[in-house]
Amino acid sequence: MKIPKYDIKIIKKEEFSIQEAKRHFENAKETIKLAKKNDKYYTDPKYVKSAGSYLWHSILIAIDSVYDVKYSKKGNARADKLDYQNALAKDTRNSKNRGFDIVDIYAEAYKVIHLSMSYDGILSVNICNDGFMYAKKIIDYCELKLKK
């Protein structure tokens, strides 16, 4: 019996993680479309909450791909919001570029995506769009860090 040859592409863990973060981001975009719009508001908080959850996970996956925050805790302790924020802050402390502070974007993303979208199911289209913008900026930042 002949064993078929497969063209297997080896992907680094970090690249896979960024791809996974982008996949979650795309899932959030598809999910938010299900929360039909009525002028400036969505009509169903269920889909907003689900999209917010996808977005928040996309951010955590992207940050983990660069800083490995999830596995830096001792024992079985879970990484929390401040662990991720501190990991991002290490890079920006010495940064001369004050116009783009990833820590501030992360803090806003936490409020908009995790709290307002995921928990509260906020129906404002503008606020949800801000959440998508924050997530995209963080994922792009992490992808750029991996390429350096």
C-alpha atoms as a PDB file:
ATOM      1  CA  MET A   1       0.000   0.000   0.000  1.00  0.00           C
ATOM      2  CA  LYS A   2       1.355   3.384  -1.023  1.00  0.00           C
ATOM      3  CA  ILE A   3       1.367   6.196   1.515  1.00  0.00           C
ATOM      4  CA  PRO A   4       0.322   9.482  -0.089  1.00  0.00           C
ATOM      5  CA  LYS A   5       2.585  12.502   0.240  1.00  0.00           C
ATOM      6  CA  TYR A   6       1.102  15.559   1.802  1.00  0.00           C
ATOM      7  CA  ASP A   7       2.379  19.052   1.411  1.00  0.00           C
ATOM      8  CA  ILE A   8       2.616  20.085   5.027  1.00  0.00           C
ATOM      9  CA  LYS A   9       3.408  23.686   5.822  1.00  0.00           C
ATOM     10  CA  ILE A  10       5.087  24.176   9.177  1.00  0.00           C
ATOM     11  CA  ILE A  11       3.649  27.170  10.993  1.00  0.00           C
ATOM     12  CA  LYS A  12       5.310  28.724  14.018  1.00  0.00           C
ATOM     13  CA  LYS A  13       3.223  28.914  17.183  1.00  0.00           C
ATOM     14  CA  GLU A  14       3.285  32.708  17.075  1.00  0.00           C
ATOM     15  CA  GLU A  15       2.076  32.866  13.471  1.00  0.00           C
ATOM     16  CA  PHE A  16      -0.652  30.371  14.259  1.00  0.00           C
ATOM     17  CA  SER A  17      -1.754  32.483  17.212  1.00  0.00           C
ATOM     18  CA  ILE A  18      -2.030  35.635  15.118  1.00  0.00           C
ATOM     19  CA  GLN A  19      -4.009  33.692  12.514  1.00  0.00           C
ATOM     20  CA  GLU A  20      -6.232  32.409  15.305  1.00  0.00           C
ATOM     21  CA  ALA A  21      -6.724  35.952  16.624  1.00  0.00           C
ATOM     22  CA  LYS A  22      -7.701  37.114  13.131  1.00  0.00           C
ATOM     23  CA  ARG A  23     -10.106  34.188  12.817  1.00  0.00           C
ATOM     24  CA  HIS A  24     -11.816  35.226  16.054  1.00  0.00           C
ATOM     25  CA  PHE A  25     -11.954  38.803  14.745  1.00  0.00           C
ATOM     26  CA  GLU A  26     -13.650  37.618  11.534  1.00  0.00           C
ATOM     27  CA  ASN A  27     -16.083  35.507  13.564  1.00  0.00           C
ATOM     28  CA  ALA A  28     -16.991  38.638  15.535  1.00  0.00           C
ATOM     29  CA  LYS A  29     -17.666  40.538  12.297  1.00  0.00           C
ATOM     30  CA  GLU A  30     -19.944  37.757  11.049  1.00  0.00           C
ATOM     31  CA  THR A  31     -21.748  37.513  14.391  1.00  0.00           C
ATOM     32  CA  ILE A  32     -22.423  41.247  14.699  1.00  0.00           C
ATOM     33  CA  LYS A  33     -24.137  41.152  11.281  1.00  0.00           C
ATOM     34  CA  LEU A  34     -26.768  38.882  12.834  1.00  0.00           C
ATOM     35  CA  ALA A  35     -27.697  41.644  15.329  1.00  0.00           C
ATOM     36  CA  LYS A  36     -29.710  43.568  12.760  1.00  0.00           C
ATOM     37  CA  LYS A  37     -29.298  47.353  12.731  1.00  0.00           C
ATOM     38  CA  ASN A  38     -32.110  49.786  13.332  1.00  0.00           C
ATOM     39  CA  ASP A  39     -30.624  53.185  12.457  1.00  0.00           C
ATOM     40  CA  LYS A  40     -27.797  53.735  15.006  1.00  0.00           C
ATOM     41  CA  TYR A  41     -28.599  50.751  17.214  1.00  0.00           C
ATOM     42  CA  TYR A  42     -28.492  46.988  17.008  1.00  0.00           C
ATOM     43  CA  THR A  43     -31.732  45.184  17.786  1.00  0.00           C
ATOM     44  CA  ASP A  44     -30.459  42.040  19.526  1.00  0.00           C
ATOM     45  CA  PRO A  45     -27.984  42.164  22.442  1.00  0.00           C
ATOM     46  CA  LYS A  46     -27.404  38.394  22.200  1.00  0.00           C
ATOM     47  CA  TYR A  47     -25.319  38.804  19.046  1.00  0.00           C
ATOM     48  CA  VAL A  48     -23.530  41.887  20.376  1.00  0.00           C
ATOM     49  CA  LYS A  49     -22.477  39.922  23.462  1.00  0.00           C
ATOM     50  CA  SER A  50     -21.283  37.022  21.340  1.00  0.00           C
ATOM     51  CA  ALA A  51     -19.332  39.325  18.998  1.00  0.00           C
ATOM     52  CA  GLY A  52     -17.797  41.074  22.003  1.00  0.00           C
ATOM     53  CA  SER A  53     -16.665  37.748  23.388  1.00  0.00           C
ATOM     54  CA  TYR A  54     -15.025  36.813  20.079  1.00  0.00           C
ATOM     55  CA  LEU A  55     -13.306  40.217  19.928  1.00  0.00           C
ATOM     56  CA  TRP A  56     -12.002  40.028  23.483  1.00  0.00           C
ATOM     57  CA  HIS A  57     -10.599  36.557  22.896  1.00  0.00           C
ATOM     58  CA  SER A  58      -8.940  37.753  19.688  1.00  0.00           C
ATOM     59  CA  ILE A  59      -7.100  40.410  21.690  1.00  0.00           C
ATOM     60  CA  LEU A  60      -5.967  37.978  24.388  1.00  0.00           C
ATOM     61  CA  ILE A  61      -4.776  35.448  21.799  1.00  0.00           C
ATOM     62  CA  ALA A  62      -2.802  38.138  19.958  1.00  0.00           C
ATOM     63  CA  ILE A  63      -1.154  39.423  23.138  1.00  0.00           C
ATOM     64  CA  ASP A  64      -0.352  35.859  24.239  1.00  0.00           C
ATOM     65  CA  SER A  65       1.342  35.214  20.904  1.00  0.00           C
ATOM     66  CA  VAL A  66       3.880  37.955  21.696  1.00  0.00           C
ATOM     67  CA  TYR A  67       4.191  37.925  25.485  1.00  0.00           C
ATOM     68  CA  ASP A  68       3.001  34.457  26.603  1.00  0.00           C
ATOM     69  CA  VAL A  69       1.063  36.045  29.461  1.00  0.00           C
ATOM     70  CA  LYS A  70      -1.253  33.075  29.803  1.00  0.00           C
ATOM     71  CA  TYR A  71       1.622  30.800  30.802  1.00  0.00           C
ATOM     72  CA  SER A  72       3.706  33.238  32.835  1.00  0.00           C
ATOM     73  CA  LYS A  73       1.753  32.751  36.057  1.00  0.00           C
ATOM     74  CA  LYS A  74       2.954  30.290  38.672  1.00  0.00           C
ATOM     75  CA  GLY A  75       0.859  27.274  39.462  1.00  0.00           C
ATOM     76  CA  ASN A  76      -2.666  27.232  38.186  1.00  0.00           C
ATOM     77  CA  ALA A  77      -3.284  30.942  38.640  1.00  0.00           C
ATOM     78  CA  ARG A  78      -5.149  32.582  35.775  1.00  0.00           C
ATOM     79  CA  ALA A  79      -3.798  35.634  34.021  1.00  0.00           C
ATOM     80  CA  ASP A  80      -6.053  38.638  34.516  1.00  0.00           C
ATOM     81  CA  LYS A  81      -6.567  42.023  32.876  1.00  0.00           C
ATOM     82  CA  LEU A  82      -3.624  43.610  34.688  1.00  0.00           C
ATOM     83  CA  ASP A  83      -1.233  40.825  33.674  1.00  0.00           C
ATOM     84  CA  TYR A  84      -1.957  41.528  30.006  1.00  0.00           C
ATOM     85  CA  GLN A  85      -1.777  45.285  30.564  1.00  0.00           C
ATOM     86  CA  ASN A  86       1.584  44.996  32.343  1.00  0.00           C
ATOM     87  CA  ALA A  87       2.973  42.856  29.533  1.00  0.00           C
ATOM     88  CA  LEU A  88       2.059  45.570  27.015  1.00  0.00           C
ATOM     89  CA  ALA A  89       3.409  48.296  29.307  1.00  0.00           C
ATOM     90  CA  LYS A  90       6.904  46.765  29.357  1.00  0.00           C
ATOM     91  CA  ASP A  91       7.340  47.642  25.699  1.00  0.00           C
ATOM     92  CA  THR A  92       5.898  51.132  25.840  1.00  0.00           C
ATOM     93  CA  ARG A  93       7.751  52.457  28.895  1.00  0.00           C
ATOM     94  CA  ASN A  94      10.826  53.291  26.853  1.00  0.00           C
ATOM     95  CA  SER A  95       8.907  54.257  23.728  1.00  0.00           C
ATOM     96  CA  LYS A  96       9.350  57.755  22.312  1.00  0.00           C
ATOM     97  CA  ASN A  97       6.100  57.447  20.346  1.00  0.00           C
ATOM     98  CA  ARG A  98       3.491  58.926  22.674  1.00  0.00           C
ATOM     99  CA  GLY A  99       0.836  59.283  19.945  1.00  0.00           C
ATOM    100  CA  PHE A 100       0.217  55.530  19.861  1.00  0.00           C
ATOM    101  CA  ASP A 101       0.110  54.041  23.296  1.00  0.00           C
ATOM    102  CA  ILE A 102      -1.001  50.433  23.110  1.00  0.00           C
ATOM    103  CA  VAL A 103      -1.675  50.315  26.850  1.00  0.00           C
ATOM    104  CA  ASP A 104      -4.297  53.063  26.542  1.00  0.00           C
ATOM    105  CA  ILE A 105      -5.886  51.256  23.607  1.00  0.00           C
ATOM    106  CA  TYR A 106      -5.959  48.035  25.618  1.00  0.00           C
ATOM    107  CA  ALA A 107      -7.610  49.834  28.560  1.00  0.00           C
ATOM    108  CA  GLU A 108     -10.291  51.275  26.263  1.00  0.00           C
ATOM    109  CA  ALA A 109     -10.757  47.899  24.569  1.00  0.00           C
ATOM    110  CA  TYR A 110     -11.370  46.341  27.975  1.00  0.00           C
ATOM    111  CA  LYS A 111     -14.105  48.857  28.770  1.00  0.00           C
ATOM    112  CA  VAL A 112     -15.762  48.813  25.366  1.00  0.00           C
ATOM    113  CA  ILE A 113     -15.362  45.197  24.268  1.00  0.00           C
ATOM    114  CA  HIS A 114     -15.217  43.172  27.459  1.00  0.00           C
ATOM    115  CA  LEU A 115     -17.540  45.175  29.675  1.00  0.00           C
ATOM    116  CA  SER A 116     -19.922  47.043  27.351  1.00  0.00           C
ATOM    117  CA  MET A 117     -20.216  44.525  24.525  1.00  0.00           C
ATOM    118  CA  SER A 118     -19.598  41.119  26.145  1.00  0.00           C
ATOM    119  CA  TYR A 119     -21.342  41.700  29.468  1.00  0.00           C
ATOM    120  CA  ASP A 120     -23.843  44.483  28.854  1.00  0.00           C
ATOM    121  CA  GLY A 121     -24.686  43.807  25.217  1.00  0.00           C
ATOM    122  CA  ILE A 122     -24.614  47.514  24.415  1.00  0.00           C
ATOM    123  CA  LEU A 123     -26.681  48.260  21.311  1.00  0.00           C
ATOM    124  CA  SER A 124     -24.938  51.403  20.029  1.00  0.00           C
ATOM    125  CA  VAL A 125     -23.437  50.779  16.586  1.00  0.00           C
ATOM    126  CA  ASN A 126     -20.805  53.509  17.109  1.00  0.00           C
ATOM    127  CA  ILE A 127     -19.557  52.027  20.370  1.00  0.00           C
ATOM    128  CA  CYS A 128     -19.383  48.543  18.838  1.00  0.00           C
ATOM    129  CA  ASN A 129     -17.459  49.948  15.866  1.00  0.00           C
ATOM    130  CA  ASP A 130     -14.967  51.472  18.308  1.00  0.00           C
ATOM    131  CA  GLY A 131     -14.536  48.015  19.853  1.00  0.00           C
ATOM    132  CA  PHE A 132     -13.714  46.527  16.457  1.00  0.00           C
ATOM    133  CA  MET A 133     -11.230  49.342  15.810  1.00  0.00           C
ATOM    134  CA  TYR A 134      -9.460  48.750  19.148  1.00  0.00           C
ATOM    135  CA  ALA A 135      -9.245  45.005  18.553  1.00  0.00           C
ATOM    136  CA  LYS A 136      -7.810  45.534  15.061  1.00  0.00           C
ATOM    137  CA  LYS A 137      -5.173  47.951  16.368  1.00  0.00           C
ATOM    138  CA  ILE A 138      -4.043  45.520  19.067  1.00  0.00           C
ATOM    139  CA  ILE A 139      -3.909  42.546  16.703  1.00  0.00           C
ATOM    140  CA  ASP A 140      -1.970  44.594  14.136  1.00  0.00           C
ATOM    141  CA  TYR A 141       0.417  45.798  16.855  1.00  0.00           C
ATOM    142  CA  CYS A 142       1.082  42.236  18.009  1.00  0.00           C
ATOM    143  CA  GLU A 143       1.580  41.021  14.454  1.00  0.00           C
ATOM    144  CA  LEU A 144       4.089  43.819  13.868  1.00  0.00           C
ATOM    145  CA  LYS A 145       5.955  42.899  17.087  1.00  0.00           C
ATOM    146  CA  LEU A 146       6.289  39.310  15.876  1.00  0.00           C
ATOM    147  CA  LYS A 147       7.783  40.405  12.559  1.00  0.00           C
ATOM    148  CA  LYS A 148      10.559  42.392  14.252  1.00  0.00           C
END
